[in-house]
C-alpha atoms as a PDB file:
ATOM      1  CA  MET A   1      48.318 158.224 138.189  1.00  0.00           C
ATOM      2  CA  ILE A   2      47.134 154.987 137.140  1.00  0.00           C
ATOM      3  CA  ILE A   3      48.259 153.682 133.755  1.00  0.00           C
ATOM      4  CA  ASP A   4      46.574 151.162 131.531  1.00  0.00           C
ATOM      5  CA  VAL A   5      48.680 149.385 128.954  1.00  0.00           C
ATOM      6  CA  LEU A   6      46.557 147.530 126.275  1.00  0.00           C
ATOM      7  CA  GLN A   7      49.507 146.342 124.059  1.00  0.00           C
ATOM      8  CA  ARG A   8      51.450 143.507 124.980  1.00  0.00           C
ATOM      9  CA  GLN A   9      55.340 143.679 125.148  1.00  0.00           C
ATOM     10  CA  GLN A  10      55.352 147.398 125.537  1.00  0.00           C
ATOM     11  CA  TYR A  11      58.629 148.127 127.277  1.00  0.00           C
ATOM     12  CA  LEU A  12      58.986 150.633 130.195  1.00  0.00           C
ATOM     13  CA  ARG A  13      61.221 152.909 128.039  1.00  0.00           C
ATOM     14  CA  GLN A  14      58.414 153.252 125.510  1.00  0.00           C
ATOM     15  CA  ILE A  15      56.018 154.027 128.402  1.00  0.00           C
ATOM     16  CA  TRP A  16      58.334 156.807 129.749  1.00  0.00           C
ATOM     17  CA  GLU A  17      58.651 158.423 126.339  1.00  0.00           C
ATOM     18  CA  LYS A  18      54.804 158.521 125.796  1.00  0.00           C
ATOM     19  CA  LEU A  19      54.170 159.909 129.221  1.00  0.00           C
ATOM     20  CA  ALA A  20      56.829 162.596 128.807  1.00  0.00           C
ATOM     21  CA  LYS A  21      55.231 163.731 125.671  1.00  0.00           C
ATOM     22  CA  MET A  22      51.791 163.865 127.557  1.00  0.00           C
ATOM     23  CA  GLY A  23      53.452 165.743 130.452  1.00  0.00           C
ATOM     24  CA  LYS A  24      55.462 168.017 128.319  1.00  0.00           C
ATOM     25  CA  THR A  25      58.790 166.876 130.372  1.00  0.00           C
ATOM     26  CA  THR A  26      61.679 164.672 130.092  1.00  0.00           C
ATOM     27  CA  PRO A  27      61.650 160.842 130.712  1.00  0.00           C
ATOM     28  CA  ASP A  28      64.227 161.092 133.545  1.00  0.00           C
ATOM     29  CA  VAL A  29      61.518 162.633 136.052  1.00  0.00           C
ATOM     30  CA  ILE A  30      59.063 159.902 135.235  1.00  0.00           C
ATOM     31  CA  PHE A  31      58.576 156.814 137.342  1.00  0.00           C
ATOM     32  CA  VAL A  32      56.423 153.887 136.584  1.00  0.00           C
ATOM     33  CA  PHE A  33      56.092 150.938 138.853  1.00  0.00           C
ATOM     34  CA  GLY A  34      53.731 148.128 140.166  1.00  0.00           C
ATOM     35  CA  PHE A  35      52.460 146.790 136.818  1.00  0.00           C
ATOM     36  CA  ARG A  36      50.073 143.814 137.108  1.00  0.00           C
ATOM     37  CA  THR A  37      48.740 141.785 134.106  1.00  0.00           C
ATOM     38  CA  HIS A  38      45.113 141.017 134.155  1.00  0.00           C
ATOM     39  CA  PHE A  39      43.821 137.466 133.713  1.00  0.00           C
ATOM     40  CA  GLY A  40      44.054 136.645 129.985  1.00  0.00           C
ATOM     41  CA  GLY A  41      46.951 138.997 129.292  1.00  0.00           C
ATOM     42  CA  GLY A  42      45.017 141.662 127.306  1.00  0.00           C
ATOM     43  CA  LYS A  43      45.609 144.528 129.777  1.00  0.00           C
ATOM     44  CA  THR A  44      48.219 145.705 132.287  1.00  0.00           C
ATOM     45  CA  THR A  45      47.568 148.133 134.932  1.00  0.00           C
ATOM     46  CA  GLY A  46      50.379 150.097 136.834  1.00  0.00           C
ATOM     47  CA  PHE A  47      51.255 153.295 138.663  1.00  0.00           C
ATOM     48  CA  GLY A  48      53.124 156.387 137.501  1.00  0.00           C
ATOM     49  CA  THR A  49      54.520 159.519 138.853  1.00  0.00           C
ATOM     50  CA  ILE A  50      55.629 162.705 137.130  1.00  0.00           C
ATOM     51  CA  HIS A  51      57.994 165.017 139.089  1.00  0.00           C
ATOM     52  CA  ASP A  52      58.898 168.624 138.503  1.00  0.00           C
ATOM     53  CA  SER A  53      62.664 168.227 138.623  1.00  0.00           C
ATOM     54  CA  LEU A  54      65.553 165.765 139.482  1.00  0.00           C
ATOM     55  CA  ASP A  55      65.919 167.361 143.041  1.00  0.00           C
ATOM     56  CA  ASN A  56      62.197 166.677 143.632  1.00  0.00           C
ATOM     57  CA  VAL A  57      62.799 163.086 142.383  1.00  0.00           C
ATOM     58  CA  LYS A  58      65.676 162.511 144.765  1.00  0.00           C
ATOM     59  CA  GLU A  59      63.722 163.847 147.794  1.00  0.00           C
ATOM     60  CA  ASN A  60      60.427 161.806 147.217  1.00  0.00           C
ATOM     61  CA  GLU A  61      61.249 158.637 145.534  1.00  0.00           C
ATOM     62  CA  PRO A  62      62.650 155.475 147.418  1.00  0.00           C
ATOM     63  CA  LYS A  63      66.242 154.523 146.766  1.00  0.00           C
ATOM     64  CA  HIS A  64      65.446 151.224 144.990  1.00  0.00           C
ATOM     65  CA  ARG A  65      63.477 153.129 142.291  1.00  0.00           C
ATOM     66  CA  LEU A  66      66.298 155.711 142.007  1.00  0.00           C
ATOM     67  CA  ALA A  67      68.784 152.877 141.550  1.00  0.00           C
ATOM     68  CA  LYS A  68      66.587 151.553 138.662  1.00  0.00           C
ATOM     69  CA  HIS A  69      67.184 155.042 136.976  1.00  0.00           C
ATOM     70  CA  SER A  70      70.906 155.040 137.861  1.00  0.00           C
ATOM     71  CA  LEU A  71      70.447 158.003 140.272  1.00  0.00           C
ATOM     72  CA  TYR A  72      71.543 156.227 143.284  1.00  0.00           C
ATOM     73  CA  LYS A  73      74.296 153.722 143.978  1.00  0.00           C
ATOM     74  CA  LYS A  74      73.844 151.156 146.587  1.00  0.00           C
ATOM     75  CA  LYS A  75      76.965 150.668 148.882  1.00  0.00           C
ATOM     76  CA  LYS A  76      78.489 147.215 148.694  1.00  0.00           C
ATOM     77  CA  THR A  77      79.281 145.942 152.210  1.00  0.00           C
ATOM     78  CA  SER A  78      80.734 142.615 153.071  1.00  0.00           C
ATOM     79  CA  ARG A  79      78.610 139.804 154.426  1.00  0.00           C
ATOM     80  CA  LYS A  80      78.770 139.089 158.145  1.00  0.00           C
ATOM     81  CA  GLN A  81      79.982 135.683 158.913  1.00  0.00           C
END
């Protein structure tokens, strides 16, 4: 779904909570990403996905978005020298 945010300084957690109320679900299965501010700064547009369950989230979302929600831990490896 495409999300338009008209208010400045609206944080992602607030957007998750509003989408959770609209979708009648919990914020942990909602992912928003790709926000771009329009020229002049009055409007921001981004993308969002609402999943059915956490299992569905872990199957379909990429690892970098899962890490943002603390659902995936990236392995630390030593640098090659």
